């Protein structure tokens, strides 16, 4: 599920799985000021998984984290792409209470972030903001992520495993930088992996269509 805030008018349609829907907001110019006949913002929501490059500043990440925490959400992944004149900010979010992310959740997060980003000018005047659920192949980045999904399977890239391997998450010891996760490989052998050696993108939940 992905929600995007951008500029331009589109018709209002109903949400369906695998489709997009637009929520038309009042017209505003590139600096967020209300105007008369300017093409309005629209909010796009769809099912999908972003596959983009990453170019995120600490300032942007800090703003996103702060606004999401106020709403009871956590940041799973944050990426930036597009051009300097028309940047695209993509983020995946999850709920602290464990409930699945809904379209309304994406919309709330998008509106709150848009207001803050417009005020700060962090990504310029004209940008696209895309907010989505973590998806079925959710990235595993923190100790909290690994503990939450003990008993499930993940795709992990690690030299000790011999490359990219699907493993079962058995348990997690320690916290933060000294955390170690125990996994079981397909052959049945167990491995202890230091989370400090795993970079972003090295581990994701496994999903079989």
N, C-alpha and C. Protein backbone atom coordinates (compact mmCIF):
# COMPACT_ATOMS: atom_id res chain seq x y z
N UNK A 1 0.85 -1.18 0.00
CA UNK A 1 0.00 0.00 0.00
C UNK A 1 0.89 1.23 0.00
N UNK A 2 0.68 2.13 -0.95
CA UNK A 2 1.49 3.34 -1.02
C UNK A 2 0.61 4.55 -1.20
N UNK A 3 0.88 5.61 -0.45
CA UNK A 3 0.14 6.86 -0.60
C UNK A 3 1.12 7.93 -1.05
N UNK A 4 0.75 8.71 -2.06
CA UNK A 4 1.65 9.72 -2.59
C UNK A 4 0.97 11.08 -2.60
N UNK A 5 1.70 12.10 -2.19
CA UNK A 5 1.20 13.47 -2.30
C UNK A 5 1.96 14.14 -3.42
N UNK A 6 1.23 14.73 -4.38
CA UNK A 6 1.88 15.35 -5.53
C UNK A 6 1.02 16.50 -6.00
N UNK A 7 1.39 17.12 -7.11
CA UNK A 7 0.64 18.24 -7.66
C UNK A 7 -0.07 17.80 -8.92
N UNK A 8 -1.33 18.25 -9.10
CA UNK A 8 -2.08 17.95 -10.30
C UNK A 8 -3.46 17.45 -9.96
N UNK A 9 -4.41 17.62 -10.84
CA UNK A 9 -5.78 17.21 -10.58
C UNK A 9 -6.05 15.86 -11.21
N UNK A 10 -6.74 14.99 -10.46
CA UNK A 10 -7.17 13.69 -10.97
C UNK A 10 -8.57 13.43 -10.46
N UNK A 11 -9.33 12.56 -11.14
CA UNK A 11 -10.69 12.28 -10.67
C UNK A 11 -10.68 11.48 -9.39
N UNK A 12 -11.74 11.63 -8.60
CA UNK A 12 -11.90 10.89 -7.36
C UNK A 12 -12.47 9.52 -7.68
N UNK A 13 -11.78 8.45 -7.26
CA UNK A 13 -12.23 7.09 -7.50
C UNK A 13 -12.24 6.33 -6.20
N UNK A 14 -12.79 5.13 -6.20
CA UNK A 14 -12.87 4.33 -5.00
C UNK A 14 -11.67 3.40 -4.88
N UNK A 15 -11.16 3.15 -3.62
CA UNK A 15 -10.01 2.29 -3.44
C UNK A 15 -10.35 0.82 -3.69
N UNK A 16 -9.45 0.13 -4.38
CA UNK A 16 -9.55 -1.30 -4.58
C UNK A 16 -8.16 -1.91 -4.46
N UNK A 17 -8.09 -3.15 -4.04
CA UNK A 17 -6.80 -3.82 -3.94
C UNK A 17 -6.16 -3.84 -5.31
N UNK A 18 -4.89 -3.41 -5.36
CA UNK A 18 -4.17 -3.41 -6.61
C UNK A 18 -4.43 -2.18 -7.47
N UNK A 19 -5.25 -1.26 -6.98
CA UNK A 19 -5.55 -0.06 -7.75
C UNK A 19 -5.17 1.17 -6.95
N UNK A 20 -5.38 2.34 -7.53
CA UNK A 20 -5.03 3.59 -6.88
C UNK A 20 -6.28 4.42 -6.68
N UNK A 21 -6.27 5.25 -5.67
CA UNK A 21 -7.38 6.19 -5.53
C UNK A 21 -6.84 7.53 -5.12
N UNK A 22 -7.55 8.59 -5.53
CA UNK A 22 -7.11 9.96 -5.32
C UNK A 22 -8.06 10.69 -4.38
N UNK A 23 -7.51 11.36 -3.39
CA UNK A 23 -8.30 12.22 -2.52
C UNK A 23 -7.94 13.65 -2.87
N UNK A 24 -8.85 14.38 -3.45
CA UNK A 24 -8.55 15.72 -3.95
C UNK A 24 -8.64 16.72 -2.82
N UNK A 25 -7.60 17.53 -2.64
CA UNK A 25 -7.54 18.54 -1.59
C UNK A 25 -7.65 19.92 -2.23
N UNK A 26 -7.87 20.98 -1.40
CA UNK A 26 -7.98 22.33 -1.95
C UNK A 26 -6.72 22.73 -2.69
N UNK A 27 -6.87 23.62 -3.70
CA UNK A 27 -5.74 24.06 -4.50
C UNK A 27 -4.73 24.84 -3.69
N UNK A 28 -3.43 24.58 -3.97
CA UNK A 28 -2.36 25.33 -3.33
C UNK A 28 -1.25 25.51 -4.36
N UNK A 29 -0.48 26.56 -4.19
CA UNK A 29 0.63 26.73 -5.11
C UNK A 29 1.84 25.97 -4.61
N UNK A 30 3.00 26.13 -5.29
CA UNK A 30 4.18 25.33 -4.98
C UNK A 30 4.72 25.60 -3.58
N UNK A 31 4.35 26.71 -2.97
CA UNK A 31 4.82 27.02 -1.62
C UNK A 31 3.76 26.73 -0.56
N UNK A 32 2.70 26.03 -0.95
CA UNK A 32 1.71 25.62 0.03
C UNK A 32 0.68 26.68 0.36
N UNK A 33 0.61 27.76 -0.44
CA UNK A 33 -0.34 28.83 -0.15
C UNK A 33 -1.66 28.54 -0.86
N UNK A 34 -2.79 28.83 -0.21
CA UNK A 34 -4.09 28.64 -0.83
C UNK A 34 -4.27 29.65 -1.97
N UNK A 35 -4.73 29.18 -3.10
CA UNK A 35 -4.95 30.06 -4.24
C UNK A 35 -6.26 29.66 -4.91
N UNK A 36 -6.65 30.42 -5.93
CA UNK A 36 -7.96 30.21 -6.53
C UNK A 36 -8.04 29.06 -7.51
N UNK A 37 -7.37 29.19 -8.66
CA UNK A 37 -7.57 28.22 -9.72
C UNK A 37 -6.36 27.32 -9.94
N UNK A 38 -5.50 27.19 -8.95
CA UNK A 38 -4.32 26.34 -9.08
C UNK A 38 -4.73 24.88 -9.00
N UNK A 39 -4.10 24.03 -9.80
CA UNK A 39 -4.40 22.59 -9.76
C UNK A 39 -4.13 22.06 -8.36
N UNK A 40 -5.07 21.28 -7.80
CA UNK A 40 -4.94 20.84 -6.41
C UNK A 40 -3.94 19.73 -6.22
N UNK A 41 -3.55 19.53 -4.92
CA UNK A 41 -2.81 18.35 -4.52
C UNK A 41 -3.72 17.14 -4.69
N UNK A 42 -3.15 15.99 -4.83
CA UNK A 42 -3.94 14.78 -4.72
C UNK A 42 -3.13 13.74 -3.97
N UNK A 43 -3.83 12.85 -3.33
CA UNK A 43 -3.20 11.79 -2.56
C UNK A 43 -3.44 10.47 -3.27
N UNK A 44 -2.37 9.79 -3.64
CA UNK A 44 -2.48 8.53 -4.36
C UNK A 44 -2.17 7.39 -3.42
N UNK A 45 -2.97 6.34 -3.45
CA UNK A 45 -2.70 5.17 -2.64
C UNK A 45 -2.78 3.94 -3.52
N UNK A 46 -1.80 3.04 -3.38
CA UNK A 46 -1.82 1.84 -4.18
C UNK A 46 -1.07 0.73 -3.47
N UNK A 47 -1.24 -0.49 -3.96
CA UNK A 47 -0.48 -1.62 -3.46
C UNK A 47 0.82 -1.67 -4.24
N UNK A 48 1.95 -1.78 -3.56
CA UNK A 48 3.21 -1.84 -4.28
C UNK A 48 4.39 -1.81 -3.35
N UNK A 49 5.57 -2.08 -3.91
CA UNK A 49 6.81 -2.08 -3.15
C UNK A 49 7.81 -1.18 -3.84
N UNK A 50 8.30 -0.12 -3.20
CA UNK A 50 9.24 0.78 -3.85
C UNK A 50 10.59 0.12 -4.05
N UNK A 51 11.17 0.31 -5.22
CA UNK A 51 12.52 -0.19 -5.50
C UNK A 51 13.31 0.98 -6.04
N UNK A 52 13.96 1.71 -5.16
CA UNK A 52 14.59 2.96 -5.54
C UNK A 52 15.95 3.08 -4.86
N UNK A 53 16.67 4.13 -5.26
CA UNK A 53 17.94 4.40 -4.62
C UNK A 53 17.75 5.17 -3.33
N UNK A 54 18.85 5.38 -2.62
CA UNK A 54 18.74 6.01 -1.30
C UNK A 54 19.67 7.21 -1.22
N UNK A 55 19.14 8.34 -0.77
CA UNK A 55 19.95 9.54 -0.61
C UNK A 55 19.28 10.41 0.45
N UNK A 56 19.36 9.98 1.70
CA UNK A 56 18.59 10.59 2.79
C UNK A 56 19.53 11.29 3.75
N UNK A 57 19.21 12.54 4.09
CA UNK A 57 20.01 13.27 5.07
C UNK A 57 19.53 12.96 6.48
N UNK A 58 20.41 13.20 7.45
CA UNK A 58 20.03 12.99 8.85
C UNK A 58 18.90 13.94 9.25
N UNK A 59 18.90 15.15 8.68
CA UNK A 59 17.85 16.12 8.99
C UNK A 59 16.49 15.60 8.56
N UNK A 60 16.42 15.09 7.33
CA UNK A 60 15.17 14.56 6.81
C UNK A 60 14.71 13.36 7.64
N UNK A 61 15.62 12.46 7.94
CA UNK A 61 15.27 11.28 8.72
C UNK A 61 14.76 11.67 10.11
N UNK A 62 15.39 12.68 10.71
CA UNK A 62 14.97 13.13 12.03
C UNK A 62 13.56 13.70 12.02
N UNK A 63 13.25 14.50 11.00
CA UNK A 63 11.91 15.09 10.87
C UNK A 63 10.87 14.00 10.70
N UNK A 64 11.15 13.04 9.83
CA UNK A 64 10.20 11.96 9.56
C UNK A 64 9.96 11.13 10.82
N UNK A 65 11.03 10.77 11.50
CA UNK A 65 10.88 9.98 12.73
C UNK A 65 10.04 10.70 13.78
N UNK A 66 10.30 11.98 13.95
CA UNK A 66 9.59 12.76 14.97
C UNK A 66 8.10 12.84 14.67
N UNK A 67 7.75 13.12 13.43
CA UNK A 67 6.34 13.25 13.07
C UNK A 67 5.61 11.92 13.14
N UNK A 68 6.27 10.84 12.75
CA UNK A 68 5.64 9.53 12.81
C UNK A 68 5.40 9.09 14.25
N UNK A 69 6.36 9.36 15.13
CA UNK A 69 6.21 8.99 16.54
C UNK A 69 4.99 9.67 17.16
N UNK A 70 4.73 10.91 16.78
CA UNK A 70 3.57 11.62 17.31
C UNK A 70 2.27 10.92 16.96
N UNK A 71 2.26 10.22 15.84
CA UNK A 71 1.05 9.55 15.36
C UNK A 71 0.97 8.09 15.77
N UNK A 72 2.00 7.60 16.48
CA UNK A 72 2.00 6.21 16.89
C UNK A 72 2.54 5.27 15.83
N UNK A 73 3.31 5.81 14.87
CA UNK A 73 3.89 4.99 13.81
C UNK A 73 5.40 4.90 14.00
N UNK A 74 6.00 3.92 13.37
CA UNK A 74 7.46 3.81 13.35
C UNK A 74 7.95 3.81 11.91
N UNK A 75 9.13 4.35 11.69
CA UNK A 75 9.73 4.37 10.37
C UNK A 75 10.43 3.05 10.11
N UNK A 76 10.05 2.39 9.03
CA UNK A 76 10.68 1.12 8.65
C UNK A 76 11.77 1.36 7.61
N UNK A 77 11.49 2.23 6.67
CA UNK A 77 12.46 2.49 5.60
C UNK A 77 12.21 3.87 5.02
N UNK A 78 13.29 4.60 4.70
CA UNK A 78 13.18 5.94 4.15
C UNK A 78 14.16 6.07 2.99
N UNK A 79 13.66 6.48 1.86
CA UNK A 79 14.50 6.64 0.68
C UNK A 79 14.14 7.92 -0.06
N UNK A 80 15.11 8.41 -0.81
CA UNK A 80 14.89 9.62 -1.60
C UNK A 80 15.45 9.40 -3.00
N UNK A 81 14.64 9.80 -3.98
CA UNK A 81 15.08 9.68 -5.37
C UNK A 81 14.55 10.87 -6.15
N UNK A 82 14.47 10.74 -7.46
CA UNK A 82 14.01 11.84 -8.29
C UNK A 82 15.11 12.83 -8.59
N UNK A 83 14.74 13.99 -9.06
CA UNK A 83 15.70 15.03 -9.41
C UNK A 83 15.79 16.08 -8.32
N UNK A 84 16.76 16.96 -8.44
CA UNK A 84 16.88 18.04 -7.46
C UNK A 84 15.68 18.98 -7.53
N UNK A 85 15.15 19.18 -8.73
CA UNK A 85 14.00 20.06 -8.90
C UNK A 85 12.68 19.38 -8.51
N UNK A 86 12.65 18.06 -8.59
CA UNK A 86 11.42 17.32 -8.31
C UNK A 86 11.77 16.05 -7.51
N UNK A 87 12.17 16.22 -6.26
CA UNK A 87 12.55 15.05 -5.46
C UNK A 87 11.35 14.19 -5.10
N UNK A 88 11.61 12.91 -4.91
CA UNK A 88 10.59 11.96 -4.46
C UNK A 88 11.07 11.35 -3.15
N UNK A 89 10.28 11.50 -2.10
CA UNK A 89 10.60 10.94 -0.79
C UNK A 89 9.68 9.76 -0.56
N UNK A 90 10.25 8.58 -0.38
CA UNK A 90 9.47 7.36 -0.18
C UNK A 90 9.76 6.80 1.21
N UNK A 91 8.72 6.45 1.93
CA UNK A 91 8.93 5.84 3.23
C UNK A 91 7.92 4.74 3.49
N UNK A 92 8.38 3.75 4.24
CA UNK A 92 7.52 2.67 4.71
C UNK A 92 7.33 2.84 6.20
N UNK A 93 6.11 2.67 6.64
CA UNK A 93 5.81 2.86 8.05
C UNK A 93 5.10 1.64 8.61
N UNK A 94 5.12 1.52 9.93
CA UNK A 94 4.37 0.47 10.62
C UNK A 94 3.76 1.08 11.86
N UNK A 95 2.84 0.35 12.47
CA UNK A 95 2.17 0.82 13.68
C UNK A 95 2.86 0.24 14.91
N UNK A 96 2.97 1.04 15.96
CA UNK A 96 3.55 0.56 17.21
C UNK A 96 2.67 -0.49 17.89
N UNK A 97 1.36 -0.43 17.63
CA UNK A 97 0.46 -1.35 18.32
C UNK A 97 0.35 -2.71 17.63
N UNK A 98 1.07 -2.89 16.52
CA UNK A 98 1.09 -4.19 15.86
C UNK A 98 -0.02 -4.41 14.86
N UNK A 99 -1.00 -3.50 14.80
CA UNK A 99 -2.08 -3.65 13.82
C UNK A 99 -1.56 -3.33 12.42
N UNK A 100 -2.17 -3.91 11.39
CA UNK A 100 -1.73 -3.63 10.02
C UNK A 100 -1.94 -2.17 9.65
N UNK A 101 -1.05 -1.65 8.84
CA UNK A 101 -1.18 -0.29 8.33
C UNK A 101 -2.35 -0.22 7.34
N UNK A 102 -3.17 0.81 7.48
CA UNK A 102 -4.32 0.98 6.60
C UNK A 102 -4.10 2.18 5.67
N UNK A 103 -5.00 2.33 4.72
CA UNK A 103 -4.96 3.48 3.82
C UNK A 103 -5.11 4.77 4.62
N UNK A 104 -5.99 4.78 5.61
CA UNK A 104 -6.17 5.97 6.44
C UNK A 104 -4.90 6.32 7.20
N UNK A 105 -4.17 5.29 7.66
CA UNK A 105 -2.90 5.53 8.35
C UNK A 105 -1.91 6.23 7.41
N UNK A 106 -1.82 5.72 6.19
CA UNK A 106 -0.93 6.34 5.20
C UNK A 106 -1.32 7.79 4.95
N UNK A 107 -2.62 8.03 4.85
CA UNK A 107 -3.09 9.39 4.59
C UNK A 107 -2.75 10.32 5.74
N UNK A 108 -2.96 9.87 6.97
CA UNK A 108 -2.65 10.71 8.14
C UNK A 108 -1.16 11.03 8.19
N UNK A 109 -0.33 10.02 7.97
CA UNK A 109 1.12 10.24 8.00
C UNK A 109 1.54 11.18 6.88
N UNK A 110 0.97 10.99 5.71
CA UNK A 110 1.33 11.84 4.57
C UNK A 110 1.00 13.30 4.82
N UNK A 111 -0.18 13.56 5.37
CA UNK A 111 -0.59 14.95 5.61
C UNK A 111 0.26 15.61 6.68
N UNK A 112 0.57 14.86 7.74
CA UNK A 112 1.39 15.42 8.81
C UNK A 112 2.81 15.71 8.31
N UNK A 113 3.36 14.81 7.54
CA UNK A 113 4.71 14.99 7.03
C UNK A 113 4.77 16.11 6.00
N UNK A 114 3.74 16.19 5.17
CA UNK A 114 3.71 17.24 4.16
C UNK A 114 3.72 18.63 4.83
N UNK A 115 2.92 18.78 5.87
CA UNK A 115 2.87 20.07 6.58
C UNK A 115 4.23 20.44 7.15
N UNK A 116 4.90 19.45 7.75
CA UNK A 116 6.22 19.73 8.35
C UNK A 116 7.28 19.98 7.29
N UNK A 117 7.28 19.19 6.23
CA UNK A 117 8.27 19.37 5.17
C UNK A 117 8.08 20.70 4.46
N UNK A 118 6.83 21.11 4.27
CA UNK A 118 6.57 22.42 3.66
C UNK A 118 7.10 23.55 4.54
N UNK A 119 6.91 23.41 5.86
CA UNK A 119 7.36 24.45 6.79
C UNK A 119 8.88 24.52 6.86
N UNK A 120 9.53 23.36 6.84
CA UNK A 120 10.98 23.30 6.98
C UNK A 120 11.70 23.59 5.67
N UNK A 121 11.07 23.27 4.54
CA UNK A 121 11.73 23.44 3.25
C UNK A 121 12.86 22.46 3.04
N UNK A 122 12.80 21.32 3.71
CA UNK A 122 13.90 20.36 3.69
C UNK A 122 14.11 19.73 2.32
N UNK A 123 13.03 19.52 1.58
CA UNK A 123 13.15 18.87 0.27
C UNK A 123 12.69 19.78 -0.87
N UNK A 124 12.64 21.08 -0.61
CA UNK A 124 12.28 22.01 -1.66
C UNK A 124 10.78 22.28 -1.72
N UNK A 125 10.37 23.05 -2.74
CA UNK A 125 8.98 23.46 -2.88
C UNK A 125 8.12 22.43 -3.58
N UNK A 126 8.68 21.74 -4.56
CA UNK A 126 7.90 20.79 -5.36
C UNK A 126 8.50 19.41 -5.17
N UNK A 127 7.75 18.56 -4.50
CA UNK A 127 8.24 17.21 -4.23
C UNK A 127 7.06 16.23 -4.23
N UNK A 128 7.38 14.96 -4.29
CA UNK A 128 6.38 13.90 -4.19
C UNK A 128 6.68 13.11 -2.94
N UNK A 129 5.67 12.92 -2.11
CA UNK A 129 5.81 12.16 -0.86
C UNK A 129 5.01 10.88 -0.98
N UNK A 130 5.67 9.74 -0.87
CA UNK A 130 5.01 8.44 -0.98
C UNK A 130 5.14 7.69 0.34
N UNK A 131 4.02 7.31 0.91
CA UNK A 131 3.98 6.61 2.19
C UNK A 131 3.35 5.25 1.97
N UNK A 132 3.99 4.19 2.44
CA UNK A 132 3.47 2.85 2.21
C UNK A 132 3.61 1.98 3.44
N UNK A 133 2.91 0.86 3.43
CA UNK A 133 3.08 -0.15 4.48
C UNK A 133 4.42 -0.84 4.26
N UNK A 134 4.90 -1.60 5.26
CA UNK A 134 6.19 -2.27 5.09
C UNK A 134 6.21 -3.29 3.96
N UNK A 135 5.05 -3.82 3.60
CA UNK A 135 5.00 -4.79 2.52
C UNK A 135 5.30 -6.20 3.02
N UNK A 136 5.07 -7.18 2.15
CA UNK A 136 5.27 -8.58 2.55
C UNK A 136 6.74 -8.93 2.68
N UNK A 137 7.61 -8.18 2.02
CA UNK A 137 9.06 -8.40 2.14
C UNK A 137 9.66 -7.26 2.97
N UNK A 138 9.14 -7.11 4.16
CA UNK A 138 9.55 -6.04 5.06
C UNK A 138 11.03 -6.13 5.39
N UNK A 139 11.76 -5.01 5.32
CA UNK A 139 13.17 -5.04 5.72
C UNK A 139 13.31 -5.21 7.23
N UNK A 140 14.33 -5.93 7.66
CA UNK A 140 14.64 -6.12 9.08
C UNK A 140 15.87 -5.28 9.38
N UNK A 141 15.69 -4.22 10.16
CA UNK A 141 16.78 -3.26 10.39
C UNK A 141 17.19 -3.15 11.84
N UNK A 142 16.27 -3.36 12.75
CA UNK A 142 16.56 -3.13 14.17
C UNK A 142 16.40 -4.41 14.98
N UNK A 143 16.90 -4.37 16.21
CA UNK A 143 16.73 -5.50 17.13
C UNK A 143 15.24 -5.76 17.35
N UNK A 144 14.47 -4.68 17.46
CA UNK A 144 13.02 -4.81 17.64
C UNK A 144 12.40 -5.58 16.48
N UNK A 145 12.83 -5.30 15.26
CA UNK A 145 12.30 -6.01 14.09
C UNK A 145 12.56 -7.51 14.20
N UNK A 146 13.80 -7.86 14.52
CA UNK A 146 14.17 -9.27 14.59
C UNK A 146 13.40 -9.99 15.70
N UNK A 147 13.27 -9.36 16.85
CA UNK A 147 12.52 -9.99 17.96
C UNK A 147 11.04 -10.16 17.60
N UNK A 148 10.51 -9.19 16.93
CA UNK A 148 9.09 -9.23 16.57
C UNK A 148 8.78 -10.42 15.65
N UNK A 149 9.73 -10.79 14.82
CA UNK A 149 9.46 -11.82 13.81
C UNK A 149 10.19 -13.14 14.08
N UNK A 150 10.53 -13.39 15.34
CA UNK A 150 11.09 -14.69 15.70
C UNK A 150 10.09 -15.78 15.32
N UNK A 151 10.59 -16.84 14.71
CA UNK A 151 9.73 -17.92 14.25
C UNK A 151 9.36 -17.83 12.79
N UNK A 152 9.60 -16.66 12.20
CA UNK A 152 9.31 -16.50 10.78
C UNK A 152 10.58 -16.65 9.95
N UNK A 153 10.42 -16.62 8.63
CA UNK A 153 11.55 -16.81 7.73
C UNK A 153 11.98 -15.48 7.12
N UNK A 154 13.27 -15.35 6.86
CA UNK A 154 13.82 -14.13 6.28
C UNK A 154 14.85 -14.47 5.21
N UNK A 155 14.98 -13.58 4.26
CA UNK A 155 16.04 -13.67 3.27
C UNK A 155 17.20 -12.81 3.77
N UNK A 156 18.35 -13.45 4.02
CA UNK A 156 19.49 -12.76 4.61
C UNK A 156 20.71 -12.92 3.72
N UNK A 157 21.40 -11.82 3.48
CA UNK A 157 22.67 -11.85 2.74
C UNK A 157 23.80 -11.69 3.74
N UNK A 158 24.64 -12.72 3.83
CA UNK A 158 25.73 -12.70 4.80
C UNK A 158 26.80 -13.68 4.36
N UNK A 159 28.09 -13.27 4.53
CA UNK A 159 29.20 -14.13 4.10
C UNK A 159 29.21 -15.46 4.84
N UNK A 160 28.86 -15.44 6.12
CA UNK A 160 28.86 -16.68 6.90
C UNK A 160 27.84 -17.69 6.36
N UNK A 161 26.79 -17.17 5.75
CA UNK A 161 25.77 -18.04 5.18
C UNK A 161 26.09 -18.46 3.75
N UNK A 162 27.14 -17.85 3.18
CA UNK A 162 27.52 -18.17 1.81
C UNK A 162 26.76 -17.38 0.77
N UNK A 163 26.26 -16.22 1.15
CA UNK A 163 25.52 -15.39 0.21
C UNK A 163 24.12 -15.10 0.72
N UNK A 164 23.16 -15.09 -0.20
CA UNK A 164 21.77 -14.80 0.18
C UNK A 164 21.03 -16.11 0.40
N UNK A 165 20.51 -16.29 1.61
CA UNK A 165 19.88 -17.54 2.01
C UNK A 165 18.60 -17.25 2.77
N UNK A 166 17.59 -18.09 2.56
CA UNK A 166 16.39 -18.00 3.37
C UNK A 166 16.60 -18.78 4.66
N UNK A 167 16.37 -18.14 5.80
CA UNK A 167 16.61 -18.75 7.10
C UNK A 167 15.38 -18.58 7.99
N UNK A 168 15.32 -19.40 9.02
CA UNK A 168 14.30 -19.24 10.05
C UNK A 168 14.91 -18.49 11.22
N UNK A 169 14.21 -17.47 11.70
CA UNK A 169 14.71 -16.68 12.84
C UNK A 169 14.37 -17.43 14.12
N UNK A 170 15.40 -17.83 14.88
CA UNK A 170 15.20 -18.63 16.09
C UNK A 170 15.19 -17.80 17.36
N UNK A 171 15.98 -16.74 17.41
CA UNK A 171 16.04 -15.94 18.62
C UNK A 171 17.03 -14.81 18.49
N UNK A 172 16.95 -13.86 19.44
CA UNK A 172 17.83 -12.69 19.44
C UNK A 172 18.36 -12.48 20.85
N UNK A 173 19.67 -12.24 20.95
CA UNK A 173 20.31 -11.95 22.23
C UNK A 173 20.94 -10.57 22.17
N UNK A 174 20.97 -9.88 23.31
CA UNK A 174 21.61 -8.57 23.38
C UNK A 174 20.73 -7.46 22.85
N UNK A 175 21.28 -6.26 22.84
CA UNK A 175 20.55 -5.08 22.39
C UNK A 175 21.42 -4.22 21.50
N UNK A 176 20.79 -3.55 20.59
CA UNK A 176 21.43 -2.57 19.71
C UNK A 176 22.68 -3.12 19.04
N UNK A 177 23.83 -2.47 19.22
CA UNK A 177 25.03 -2.81 18.47
C UNK A 177 25.62 -4.17 18.80
N UNK A 178 25.32 -4.71 20.00
CA UNK A 178 25.89 -6.01 20.37
C UNK A 178 24.90 -7.16 20.19
N UNK A 179 23.79 -6.91 19.53
CA UNK A 179 22.76 -7.94 19.36
C UNK A 179 23.24 -9.04 18.41
N UNK A 180 22.87 -10.26 18.74
CA UNK A 180 23.20 -11.43 17.92
C UNK A 180 21.91 -12.20 17.67
N UNK A 181 21.67 -12.53 16.40
CA UNK A 181 20.47 -13.29 16.04
C UNK A 181 20.88 -14.72 15.67
N UNK A 182 20.12 -15.68 16.14
CA UNK A 182 20.35 -17.08 15.80
C UNK A 182 19.35 -17.49 14.72
N UNK A 183 19.86 -18.05 13.62
CA UNK A 183 19.00 -18.44 12.50
C UNK A 183 19.30 -19.89 12.12
N UNK A 184 18.33 -20.51 11.48
CA UNK A 184 18.51 -21.89 10.99
C UNK A 184 18.45 -21.88 9.47
N UNK A 185 19.50 -22.39 8.84
CA UNK A 185 19.59 -22.46 7.39
C UNK A 185 18.75 -23.65 6.87
N UNK A 186 18.50 -23.70 5.56
CA UNK A 186 17.68 -24.78 5.00
C UNK A 186 18.21 -26.19 5.30
N UNK A 187 19.52 -26.33 5.43
CA UNK A 187 20.10 -27.64 5.71
C UNK A 187 19.94 -28.06 7.16
N UNK A 188 19.45 -27.14 8.00
CA UNK A 188 19.23 -27.44 9.41
C UNK A 188 20.31 -26.93 10.33
N UNK A 189 21.42 -26.44 9.77
CA UNK A 189 22.50 -25.92 10.60
C UNK A 189 22.15 -24.53 11.10
N UNK A 190 22.56 -24.24 12.34
CA UNK A 190 22.26 -22.95 12.97
C UNK A 190 23.46 -22.02 12.91
N UNK A 191 23.19 -20.74 12.78
CA UNK A 191 24.23 -19.72 12.71
C UNK A 191 23.88 -18.57 13.64
N UNK A 192 24.93 -17.98 14.22
CA UNK A 192 24.76 -16.79 15.06
C UNK A 192 25.36 -15.61 14.31
N UNK A 193 24.50 -14.65 13.99
CA UNK A 193 24.92 -13.50 13.19
C UNK A 193 24.85 -12.22 14.02
N UNK A 194 25.93 -11.46 13.99
CA UNK A 194 25.92 -10.16 14.66
C UNK A 194 25.16 -9.18 13.79
N UNK A 195 24.16 -8.51 14.37
CA UNK A 195 23.38 -7.55 13.60
C UNK A 195 24.21 -6.36 13.15
N UNK A 196 25.31 -6.11 13.83
CA UNK A 196 26.18 -5.00 13.45
C UNK A 196 26.82 -5.24 12.09
N UNK A 197 26.89 -6.50 11.66
CA UNK A 197 27.52 -6.82 10.37
C UNK A 197 26.51 -6.78 9.22
N UNK A 198 25.24 -6.58 9.52
CA UNK A 198 24.21 -6.55 8.49
C UNK A 198 23.88 -5.11 8.11
N UNK A 199 24.05 -4.80 6.85
CA UNK A 199 23.72 -3.46 6.37
C UNK A 199 22.25 -3.38 6.01
N UNK A 200 21.73 -2.15 5.82
CA UNK A 200 20.35 -1.97 5.38
C UNK A 200 20.16 -2.70 4.05
N UNK A 201 19.11 -3.48 3.96
CA UNK A 201 18.83 -4.22 2.74
C UNK A 201 19.36 -5.64 2.76
N UNK A 202 20.17 -5.99 3.77
CA UNK A 202 20.73 -7.34 3.85
C UNK A 202 19.72 -8.37 4.35
N UNK A 203 18.67 -7.93 5.00
CA UNK A 203 17.70 -8.87 5.57
C UNK A 203 16.28 -8.38 5.36
N UNK A 204 15.42 -9.25 4.85
CA UNK A 204 14.01 -8.95 4.66
C UNK A 204 13.19 -10.20 4.97
N UNK A 205 11.97 -9.99 5.39
CA UNK A 205 11.07 -11.13 5.59
C UNK A 205 10.89 -11.86 4.27
N UNK A 206 10.85 -13.18 4.35
CA UNK A 206 10.66 -13.99 3.15
C UNK A 206 9.18 -14.12 2.85
N UNK A 207 8.83 -14.10 1.58
CA UNK A 207 7.43 -14.26 1.18
C UNK A 207 7.39 -15.11 -0.06
N UNK A 208 6.47 -16.07 -0.08
CA UNK A 208 6.33 -16.95 -1.23
C UNK A 208 4.95 -16.75 -1.84
N UNK A 209 4.92 -16.35 -3.08
CA UNK A 209 3.64 -16.12 -3.77
C UNK A 209 2.97 -17.45 -4.06
